[in-house]
């Protein structure tokens, strides 16, 4: 009788343990950290983040200061410090330069979304070389500059670049609706021009598993440049017929690549 009671209690405990235990898949899913690029803020990831959260992922979208690779990567490292467990680190556009400066054992893979993936000593501008990679329309008058308050700059000031409002839709995000482009423009963050000239340190992609989303209709980073960078980092490549804002216009396609990178 005693053994029968003990067996019954053990079965009840096992049942409740099964009810309250987290699913195995949820326990093993990595945290996804999404790093935005220049001329955008963290809201540019809203569609991708919502898709991933719907699949059970924890998603973090830290602010990228857009002051320069060394400064910005330090800010993203602080976000990583608060995460336990594996991480998939994702960068869009200039955000790719930033994630390339981060080496953290928690990061199991890198995902570049229409992003810069520089080699050591390379600045962002080298990957916009119009001789090797013609086609970028991120030039004056679409690209404008302004003086901004910036405690990281000399004398508390800096010279920032931004996409002129009248060109933003056609150059940055030609495949989104007028309303979506207007929202993106309202969230545009200017970027320090010196961020484009600061050379990369030893890139993390050289010792990482890498994925790359090529935006086939990109008018900011020419697709040929993206393919070159993806091939150099031996990335698994997915090409999407989209603008530079592929994360906004094709969030499910981007999320699918991130999921693959996390397996």
C-alpha atoms as a PDB file:
ATOM      1  CA  UNK A   1       0.000   0.000   0.000  1.00  0.00           C
ATOM      2  CA  UNK A   2       2.829   2.326   0.966  1.00  0.00           C
ATOM      3  CA  UNK A   3       4.555   1.780  -2.379  1.00  0.00           C
ATOM      4  CA  UNK A   4       1.292   2.408  -4.237  1.00  0.00           C
ATOM      5  CA  UNK A   5       0.872   5.770  -2.473  1.00  0.00           C
ATOM      6  CA  UNK A   6       4.479   6.746  -3.227  1.00  0.00           C
ATOM      7  CA  UNK A   7       4.038   5.802  -6.890  1.00  0.00           C
ATOM      8  CA  UNK A   8       0.861   7.883  -7.097  1.00  0.00           C
ATOM      9  CA  UNK A   9       2.606  10.891  -5.532  1.00  0.00           C
ATOM     10  CA  UNK A  10       5.504  10.521  -7.962  1.00  0.00           C
ATOM     11  CA  UNK A  11       3.106  10.469 -10.900  1.00  0.00           C
ATOM     12  CA  UNK A  12       1.360  13.617  -9.652  1.00  0.00           C
ATOM     13  CA  UNK A  13       4.682  15.429  -9.204  1.00  0.00           C
ATOM     14  CA  UNK A  14       5.770  14.424 -12.695  1.00  0.00           C
ATOM     15  CA  UNK A  15       2.465  15.647 -14.134  1.00  0.00           C
ATOM     16  CA  UNK A  16       2.769  19.066 -12.511  1.00  0.00           C
ATOM     17  CA  UNK A  17       6.407  19.353 -13.481  1.00  0.00           C
ATOM     18  CA  UNK A  18       5.425  18.742 -17.091  1.00  0.00           C
ATOM     19  CA  UNK A  19       2.659  21.327 -16.929  1.00  0.00           C
ATOM     20  CA  UNK A  20       4.849  24.096 -15.565  1.00  0.00           C
ATOM     21  CA  UNK A  21       8.125  23.356 -17.328  1.00  0.00           C
ATOM     22  CA  UNK A  22       8.995  25.629 -20.251  1.00  0.00           C
ATOM     23  CA  UNK A  23       8.861  23.926 -23.644  1.00  0.00           C
ATOM     24  CA  UNK A  24      12.249  22.623 -24.747  1.00  0.00           C
ATOM     25  CA  UNK A  25      12.203  24.854 -27.819  1.00  0.00           C
ATOM     26  CA  UNK A  26      11.650  27.979 -25.698  1.00  0.00           C
ATOM     27  CA  UNK A  27      14.551  27.009 -23.446  1.00  0.00           C
ATOM     28  CA  UNK A  28      16.961  26.716 -26.358  1.00  0.00           C
ATOM     29  CA  UNK A  29      15.944  29.720 -28.480  1.00  0.00           C
ATOM     30  CA  UNK A  30      18.666  32.370 -28.626  1.00  0.00           C
ATOM     31  CA  UNK A  31      18.008  36.000 -27.805  1.00  0.00           C
ATOM     32  CA  UNK A  32      17.953  38.124 -30.953  1.00  0.00           C
ATOM     33  CA  UNK A  33      19.645  41.529 -30.767  1.00  0.00           C
ATOM     34  CA  UNK A  34      18.698  43.863 -33.625  1.00  0.00           C
ATOM     35  CA  UNK A  35      21.024  46.807 -34.321  1.00  0.00           C
ATOM     36  CA  UNK A  36      19.680  49.576 -36.523  1.00  0.00           C
ATOM     37  CA  UNK A  37      21.709  51.563 -38.996  1.00  0.00           C
ATOM     38  CA  UNK A  38      22.133  55.191 -39.968  1.00  0.00           C
ATOM     39  CA  UNK A  39      19.139  57.365 -40.872  1.00  0.00           C
ATOM     40  CA  UNK A  40      16.883  55.135 -38.746  1.00  0.00           C
ATOM     41  CA  UNK A  41      16.189  54.177 -35.157  1.00  0.00           C
ATOM     42  CA  UNK A  42      15.136  50.998 -33.368  1.00  0.00           C
ATOM     43  CA  UNK A  43      11.549  51.291 -34.680  1.00  0.00           C
ATOM     44  CA  UNK A  44      12.851  50.239 -38.101  1.00  0.00           C
ATOM     45  CA  UNK A  45      12.962  46.714 -36.645  1.00  0.00           C
ATOM     46  CA  UNK A  46       9.332  46.729 -35.445  1.00  0.00           C
ATOM     47  CA  UNK A  47       8.018  44.346 -38.094  1.00  0.00           C
ATOM     48  CA  UNK A  48      10.895  41.889 -37.763  1.00  0.00           C
ATOM     49  CA  UNK A  49      10.771  42.026 -33.952  1.00  0.00           C
ATOM     50  CA  UNK A  50       7.018  41.384 -33.889  1.00  0.00           C
ATOM     51  CA  UNK A  51       7.399  38.382 -36.180  1.00  0.00           C
ATOM     52  CA  UNK A  52      10.198  36.889 -34.074  1.00  0.00           C
ATOM     53  CA  UNK A  53       8.363  37.459 -30.791  1.00  0.00           C
ATOM     54  CA  UNK A  54       5.375  35.711 -32.298  1.00  0.00           C
ATOM     55  CA  UNK A  55       7.619  32.684 -32.807  1.00  0.00           C
ATOM     56  CA  UNK A  56       8.723  32.724 -29.164  1.00  0.00           C
ATOM     57  CA  UNK A  57      11.993  34.634 -29.399  1.00  0.00           C
ATOM     58  CA  UNK A  58      13.205  37.226 -26.935  1.00  0.00           C
ATOM     59  CA  UNK A  59      14.160  40.297 -28.978  1.00  0.00           C
ATOM     60  CA  UNK A  60      16.272  43.274 -27.891  1.00  0.00           C
ATOM     61  CA  UNK A  61      16.493  46.452 -29.989  1.00  0.00           C
ATOM     62  CA  UNK A  62      19.164  48.695 -28.439  1.00  0.00           C
ATOM     63  CA  UNK A  63      19.773  52.258 -29.494  1.00  0.00           C
ATOM     64  CA  UNK A  64      22.712  52.697 -31.852  1.00  0.00           C
ATOM     65  CA  UNK A  65      24.223  56.153 -31.168  1.00  0.00           C
ATOM     66  CA  UNK A  66      25.595  56.514 -34.738  1.00  0.00           C
ATOM     67  CA  UNK A  67      28.754  58.271 -33.520  1.00  0.00           C
ATOM     68  CA  UNK A  68      31.402  55.868 -34.835  1.00  0.00           C
ATOM     69  CA  UNK A  69      32.132  52.120 -34.855  1.00  0.00           C
ATOM     70  CA  UNK A  70      34.185  52.026 -31.635  1.00  0.00           C
ATOM     71  CA  UNK A  71      31.780  54.202 -29.648  1.00  0.00           C
ATOM     72  CA  UNK A  72      28.666  52.525 -31.004  1.00  0.00           C
ATOM     73  CA  UNK A  73      29.891  48.965 -30.529  1.00  0.00           C
ATOM     74  CA  UNK A  74      30.638  49.789 -26.876  1.00  0.00           C
ATOM     75  CA  UNK A  75      27.005  50.838 -26.459  1.00  0.00           C
ATOM     76  CA  UNK A  76      25.760  47.589 -27.997  1.00  0.00           C
ATOM     77  CA  UNK A  77      28.116  45.554 -25.801  1.00  0.00           C
ATOM     78  CA  UNK A  78      26.354  47.012 -22.760  1.00  0.00           C
ATOM     79  CA  UNK A  79      23.087  45.595 -24.075  1.00  0.00           C
ATOM     80  CA  UNK A  80      24.726  42.196 -24.538  1.00  0.00           C
ATOM     81  CA  UNK A  81      26.049  42.270 -20.968  1.00  0.00           C
ATOM     82  CA  UNK A  82      22.496  42.061 -19.696  1.00  0.00           C
ATOM     83  CA  UNK A  83      21.707  38.900 -21.668  1.00  0.00           C
ATOM     84  CA  UNK A  84      22.393  35.366 -20.514  1.00  0.00           C
ATOM     85  CA  UNK A  85      22.487  32.545 -23.005  1.00  0.00           C
ATOM     86  CA  UNK A  86      23.190  32.496 -26.729  1.00  0.00           C
ATOM     87  CA  UNK A  87      22.641  35.525 -28.941  1.00  0.00           C
ATOM     88  CA  UNK A  88      22.020  36.068 -32.635  1.00  0.00           C
ATOM     89  CA  UNK A  89      23.411  39.527 -33.400  1.00  0.00           C
ATOM     90  CA  UNK A  90      21.845  41.307 -36.367  1.00  0.00           C
ATOM     91  CA  UNK A  91      22.857  44.555 -38.055  1.00  0.00           C
ATOM     92  CA  UNK A  92      21.193  46.624 -40.762  1.00  0.00           C
ATOM     93  CA  UNK A  93      23.218  48.970 -42.969  1.00  0.00           C
ATOM     94  CA  UNK A  94      25.802  50.797 -40.807  1.00  0.00           C
ATOM     95  CA  UNK A  95      24.687  48.465 -37.999  1.00  0.00           C
ATOM     96  CA  UNK A  96      26.704  45.785 -39.795  1.00  0.00           C
ATOM     97  CA  UNK A  97      29.863  47.810 -39.205  1.00  0.00           C
ATOM     98  CA  UNK A  98      28.947  48.017 -35.527  1.00  0.00           C
ATOM     99  CA  UNK A  99      28.293  44.302 -34.996  1.00  0.00           C
ATOM    100  CA  UNK A 100      31.551  43.533 -36.827  1.00  0.00           C
ATOM    101  CA  UNK A 101      33.406  45.212 -33.935  1.00  0.00           C
ATOM    102  CA  UNK A 102      31.828  42.996 -31.261  1.00  0.00           C
ATOM    103  CA  UNK A 103      33.409  39.780 -30.075  1.00  0.00           C
ATOM    104  CA  UNK A 104      31.395  38.092 -27.358  1.00  0.00           C
ATOM    105  CA  UNK A 105      31.280  34.352 -26.650  1.00  0.00           C
ATOM    106  CA  UNK A 106      27.496  34.567 -26.271  1.00  0.00           C
ATOM    107  CA  UNK A 107      27.120  35.494 -29.954  1.00  0.00           C
ATOM    108  CA  UNK A 108      26.501  32.260 -31.851  1.00  0.00           C
ATOM    109  CA  UNK A 109      25.962  33.849 -35.257  1.00  0.00           C
ATOM    110  CA  UNK A 110      25.869  37.165 -37.104  1.00  0.00           C
ATOM    111  CA  UNK A 111      23.222  38.333 -39.560  1.00  0.00           C
ATOM    112  CA  UNK A 112      23.881  41.202 -41.953  1.00  0.00           C
ATOM    113  CA  UNK A 113      20.810  42.841 -43.498  1.00  0.00           C
ATOM    114  CA  UNK A 114      21.780  45.039 -46.456  1.00  0.00           C
ATOM    115  CA  UNK A 115      24.721  45.857 -44.208  1.00  0.00           C
ATOM    116  CA  UNK A 116      28.374  46.789 -44.191  1.00  0.00           C
ATOM    117  CA  UNK A 117      30.726  43.928 -43.353  1.00  0.00           C
ATOM    118  CA  UNK A 118      34.181  45.539 -43.462  1.00  0.00           C
ATOM    119  CA  UNK A 119      37.536  43.832 -43.330  1.00  0.00           C
ATOM    120  CA  UNK A 120      40.164  45.031 -40.872  1.00  0.00           C
ATOM    121  CA  UNK A 121      41.244  48.659 -41.444  1.00  0.00           C
ATOM    122  CA  UNK A 122      38.382  49.294 -43.865  1.00  0.00           C
ATOM    123  CA  UNK A 123      36.020  52.228 -43.336  1.00  0.00           C
ATOM    124  CA  UNK A 124      32.400  52.111 -44.450  1.00  0.00           C
ATOM    125  CA  UNK A 125      33.110  54.444 -47.361  1.00  0.00           C
ATOM    126  CA  UNK A 126      35.383  51.875 -49.013  1.00  0.00           C
ATOM    127  CA  UNK A 127      32.364  49.622 -49.612  1.00  0.00           C
ATOM    128  CA  UNK A 128      30.637  52.490 -51.419  1.00  0.00           C
ATOM    129  CA  UNK A 129      33.497  52.850 -53.900  1.00  0.00           C
ATOM    130  CA  UNK A 130      31.707  54.037 -57.075  1.00  0.00           C
ATOM    131  CA  UNK A 131      34.369  52.494 -59.303  1.00  0.00           C
ATOM    132  CA  UNK A 132      33.958  48.935 -58.006  1.00  0.00           C
ATOM    133  CA  UNK A 133      30.343  49.252 -56.893  1.00  0.00           C
ATOM    134  CA  UNK A 134      28.473  51.920 -58.854  1.00  0.00           C
ATOM    135  CA  UNK A 135      24.852  52.738 -58.191  1.00  0.00           C
ATOM    136  CA  UNK A 136      24.526  54.332 -54.756  1.00  0.00           C
ATOM    137  CA  UNK A 137      22.228  57.339 -54.737  1.00  0.00           C
ATOM    138  CA  UNK A 138      23.232  58.378 -51.227  1.00  0.00           C
ATOM    139  CA  UNK A 139      24.966  61.476 -52.566  1.00  0.00           C
ATOM    140  CA  UNK A 140      24.170  65.200 -52.502  1.00  0.00           C
ATOM    141  CA  UNK A 141      21.511  66.499 -52.861  1.00  0.00           C
ATOM    142  CA  UNK A 142      19.911  63.359 -51.345  1.00  0.00           C
ATOM    143  CA  UNK A 143      22.558  63.395 -48.610  1.00  0.00           C
ATOM    144  CA  UNK A 144      22.697  66.585 -46.573  1.00  0.00           C
ATOM    145  CA  UNK A 145      24.756  67.627 -43.558  1.00  0.00           C
ATOM    146  CA  UNK A 146      24.134  69.662 -40.426  1.00  0.00           C
ATOM    147  CA  UNK A 147      25.969  70.668 -37.261  1.00  0.00           C
ATOM    148  CA  UNK A 148      24.588  68.915 -34.172  1.00  0.00           C
ATOM    149  CA  UNK A 149      25.216  69.001 -30.452  1.00  0.00           C
ATOM    150  CA  UNK A 150      27.348  65.967 -29.629  1.00  0.00           C
ATOM    151  CA  UNK A 151      29.316  65.454 -26.417  1.00  0.00           C
ATOM    152  CA  UNK A 152      31.534  62.938 -28.237  1.00  0.00           C
ATOM    153  CA  UNK A 153      32.603  65.517 -30.839  1.00  0.00           C
ATOM    154  CA  UNK A 154      35.225  68.269 -30.647  1.00  0.00           C
ATOM    155  CA  UNK A 155      33.887  71.217 -28.670  1.00  0.00           C
ATOM    156  CA  UNK A 156      30.626  69.377 -28.060  1.00  0.00           C
ATOM    157  CA  UNK A 157      29.635  69.608 -31.729  1.00  0.00           C
ATOM    158  CA  UNK A 158      29.729  67.286 -34.722  1.00  0.00           C
ATOM    159  CA  UNK A 159      28.921  67.246 -38.415  1.00  0.00           C
ATOM    160  CA  UNK A 160      26.153  64.766 -39.170  1.00  0.00           C
ATOM    161  CA  UNK A 161      24.702  63.441 -42.388  1.00  0.00           C
ATOM    162  CA  UNK A 162      21.052  62.688 -43.053  1.00  0.00           C
ATOM    163  CA  UNK A 163      18.793  61.863 -45.985  1.00  0.00           C
ATOM    164  CA  UNK A 164      16.984  64.937 -47.266  1.00  0.00           C
ATOM    165  CA  UNK A 165      13.231  64.566 -46.687  1.00  0.00           C
ATOM    166  CA  UNK A 166      12.326  65.086 -50.342  1.00  0.00           C
ATOM    167  CA  UNK A 167      14.588  62.151 -51.352  1.00  0.00           C
ATOM    168  CA  UNK A 168      14.040  59.807 -48.414  1.00  0.00           C
ATOM    169  CA  UNK A 169      11.263  57.690 -49.942  1.00  0.00           C
ATOM    170  CA  UNK A 170      12.800  57.177 -53.379  1.00  0.00           C
ATOM    171  CA  UNK A 171      16.387  56.619 -52.225  1.00  0.00           C
ATOM    172  CA  UNK A 172      16.054  54.832 -48.887  1.00  0.00           C
ATOM    173  CA  UNK A 173      12.765  52.970 -49.042  1.00  0.00           C
ATOM    174  CA  UNK A 174      11.184  53.048 -52.473  1.00  0.00           C
ATOM    175  CA  UNK A 175       9.161  49.862 -51.890  1.00  0.00           C
ATOM    176  CA  UNK A 176       7.146  50.988 -48.859  1.00  0.00           C
ATOM    177  CA  UNK A 177       3.930  52.995 -48.821  1.00  0.00           C
ATOM    178  CA  UNK A 178       3.879  56.775 -48.558  1.00  0.00           C
ATOM    179  CA  UNK A 179       2.541  56.511 -45.011  1.00  0.00           C
ATOM    180  CA  UNK A 180       5.269  54.076 -43.949  1.00  0.00           C
ATOM    181  CA  UNK A 181       7.969  56.235 -45.539  1.00  0.00           C
ATOM    182  CA  UNK A 182       6.614  59.257 -43.672  1.00  0.00           C
ATOM    183  CA  UNK A 183       6.806  57.347 -40.388  1.00  0.00           C
ATOM    184  CA  UNK A 184      10.353  56.230 -41.126  1.00  0.00           C
ATOM    185  CA  UNK A 185      11.345  59.789 -41.994  1.00  0.00           C
ATOM    186  CA  UNK A 186       9.916  61.017 -38.696  1.00  0.00           C
ATOM    187  CA  UNK A 187      12.173  58.520 -36.916  1.00  0.00           C
ATOM    188  CA  UNK A 188      15.297  59.298 -38.952  1.00  0.00           C
ATOM    189  CA  UNK A 189      18.471  59.771 -36.863  1.00  0.00           C
ATOM    190  CA  UNK A 190      21.410  61.591 -38.359  1.00  0.00           C
ATOM    191  CA  UNK A 191      24.825  59.905 -38.306  1.00  0.00           C
ATOM    192  CA  UNK A 192      28.231  61.440 -37.634  1.00  0.00           C
ATOM    193  CA  UNK A 193      30.123  61.751 -40.911  1.00  0.00           C
ATOM    194  CA  UNK A 194      33.292  60.569 -39.185  1.00  0.00           C
ATOM    195  CA  UNK A 195      31.561  57.216 -38.574  1.00  0.00           C
ATOM    196  CA  UNK A 196      31.973  56.533 -42.298  1.00  0.00           C
ATOM    197  CA  UNK A 197      35.718  57.187 -42.136  1.00  0.00           C
ATOM    198  CA  UNK A 198      36.692  55.299 -38.976  1.00  0.00           C
ATOM    199  CA  UNK A 199      38.471  52.049 -39.913  1.00  0.00           C
ATOM    200  CA  UNK A 200      37.265  48.689 -38.701  1.00  0.00           C
ATOM    201  CA  UNK A 201      39.113  46.634 -36.147  1.00  0.00           C
ATOM    202  CA  UNK A 202      39.556  42.872 -36.655  1.00  0.00           C
ATOM    203  CA  UNK A 203      36.041  41.856 -37.749  1.00  0.00           C
ATOM    204  CA  UNK A 204      34.061  39.383 -35.702  1.00  0.00           C
ATOM    205  CA  UNK A 205      32.667  37.809 -38.870  1.00  0.00           C
ATOM    206  CA  UNK A 206      36.108  36.296 -39.559  1.00  0.00           C
ATOM    207  CA  UNK A 207      35.521  33.780 -36.757  1.00  0.00           C
ATOM    208  CA  UNK A 208      31.730  33.536 -36.757  1.00  0.00           C
ATOM    209  CA  UNK A 209      28.866  31.804 -38.516  1.00  0.00           C
ATOM    210  CA  UNK A 210      27.426  34.443 -40.848  1.00  0.00           C
ATOM    211  CA  UNK A 211      24.210  35.067 -42.746  1.00  0.00           C
ATOM    212  CA  UNK A 212      23.560  37.890 -45.203  1.00  0.00           C
ATOM    213  CA  UNK A 213      20.339  39.346 -46.644  1.00  0.00           C
ATOM    214  CA  UNK A 214      21.121  41.087 -49.935  1.00  0.00           C
ATOM    215  CA  UNK A 215      18.609  43.767 -50.898  1.00  0.00           C
ATOM    216  CA  UNK A 216      18.458  43.391 -54.668  1.00  0.00           C
ATOM    217  CA  UNK A 217      17.003  46.862 -55.341  1.00  0.00           C
ATOM    218  CA  UNK A 218      19.117  48.774 -52.830  1.00  0.00           C
ATOM    219  CA  UNK A 219      19.820  52.401 -53.771  1.00  0.00           C
ATOM    220  CA  UNK A 220      22.073  53.060 -50.764  1.00  0.00           C
ATOM    221  CA  UNK A 221      24.532  50.134 -50.619  1.00  0.00           C
ATOM    222  CA  UNK A 222      24.761  48.738 -54.169  1.00  0.00           C
ATOM    223  CA  UNK A 223      23.771  45.061 -54.348  1.00  0.00           C
ATOM    224  CA  UNK A 224      27.142  44.267 -55.967  1.00  0.00           C
ATOM    225  CA  UNK A 225      28.889  45.585 -52.857  1.00  0.00           C
ATOM    226  CA  UNK A 226      26.616  43.518 -50.618  1.00  0.00           C
ATOM    227  CA  UNK A 227      27.324  40.352 -52.607  1.00  0.00           C
ATOM    228  CA  UNK A 228      31.060  41.040 -52.425  1.00  0.00           C
ATOM    229  CA  UNK A 229      30.965  41.458 -48.649  1.00  0.00           C
ATOM    230  CA  UNK A 230      28.758  38.393 -48.183  1.00  0.00           C
ATOM    231  CA  UNK A 231      31.077  36.234 -50.279  1.00  0.00           C
ATOM    232  CA  UNK A 232      34.136  37.488 -48.432  1.00  0.00           C
ATOM    233  CA  UNK A 233      32.669  36.547 -45.058  1.00  0.00           C
ATOM    234  CA  UNK A 234      31.500  33.168 -46.432  1.00  0.00           C
ATOM    235  CA  UNK A 235      27.966  33.981 -45.403  1.00  0.00           C
ATOM    236  CA  UNK A 236      24.830  32.026 -46.174  1.00  0.00           C
ATOM    237  CA  UNK A 237      23.106  34.421 -48.575  1.00  0.00           C
ATOM    238  CA  UNK A 238      19.440  35.163 -49.163  1.00  0.00           C
ATOM    239  CA  UNK A 239      18.649  37.749 -51.824  1.00  0.00           C
ATOM    240  CA  UNK A 240      15.377  39.655 -51.557  1.00  0.00           C
ATOM    241  CA  UNK A 241      13.987  41.911 -54.285  1.00  0.00           C
ATOM    242  CA  UNK A 242      13.723  44.919 -51.992  1.00  0.00           C
ATOM    243  CA  UNK A 243      15.032  48.375 -51.166  1.00  0.00           C
ATOM    244  CA  UNK A 244      17.609  49.286 -48.543  1.00  0.00           C
ATOM    245  CA  UNK A 245      14.697  49.220 -46.099  1.00  0.00           C
ATOM    246  CA  UNK A 246      14.189  45.478 -46.659  1.00  0.00           C
ATOM    247  CA  UNK A 247      13.677  44.999 -42.912  1.00  0.00           C
ATOM    248  CA  UNK A 248      10.591  47.233 -43.168  1.00  0.00           C
ATOM    249  CA  UNK A 249       9.215  46.130 -46.539  1.00  0.00           C
ATOM    250  CA  UNK A 250       9.984  42.398 -46.157  1.00  0.00           C
ATOM    251  CA  UNK A 251      10.065  41.682 -42.401  1.00  0.00           C
ATOM    252  CA  UNK A 252       9.046  38.022 -42.683  1.00  0.00           C
ATOM    253  CA  UNK A 253      11.828  37.261 -45.174  1.00  0.00           C
ATOM    254  CA  UNK A 254      14.359  38.887 -42.863  1.00  0.00           C
ATOM    255  CA  UNK A 255      12.957  37.113 -39.801  1.00  0.00           C
ATOM    256  CA  UNK A 256      13.226  33.766 -41.603  1.00  0.00           C
ATOM    257  CA  UNK A 257      16.950  34.298 -42.127  1.00  0.00           C
ATOM    258  CA  UNK A 258      17.422  35.229 -38.469  1.00  0.00           C
ATOM    259  CA  UNK A 259      15.598  32.056 -37.401  1.00  0.00           C
ATOM    260  CA  UNK A 260      17.887  29.991 -39.646  1.00  0.00           C
ATOM    261  CA  UNK A 261      20.926  31.689 -38.107  1.00  0.00           C
ATOM    262  CA  UNK A 262      19.734  30.760 -34.642  1.00  0.00           C
ATOM    263  CA  UNK A 263      19.517  27.037 -35.250  1.00  0.00           C
END
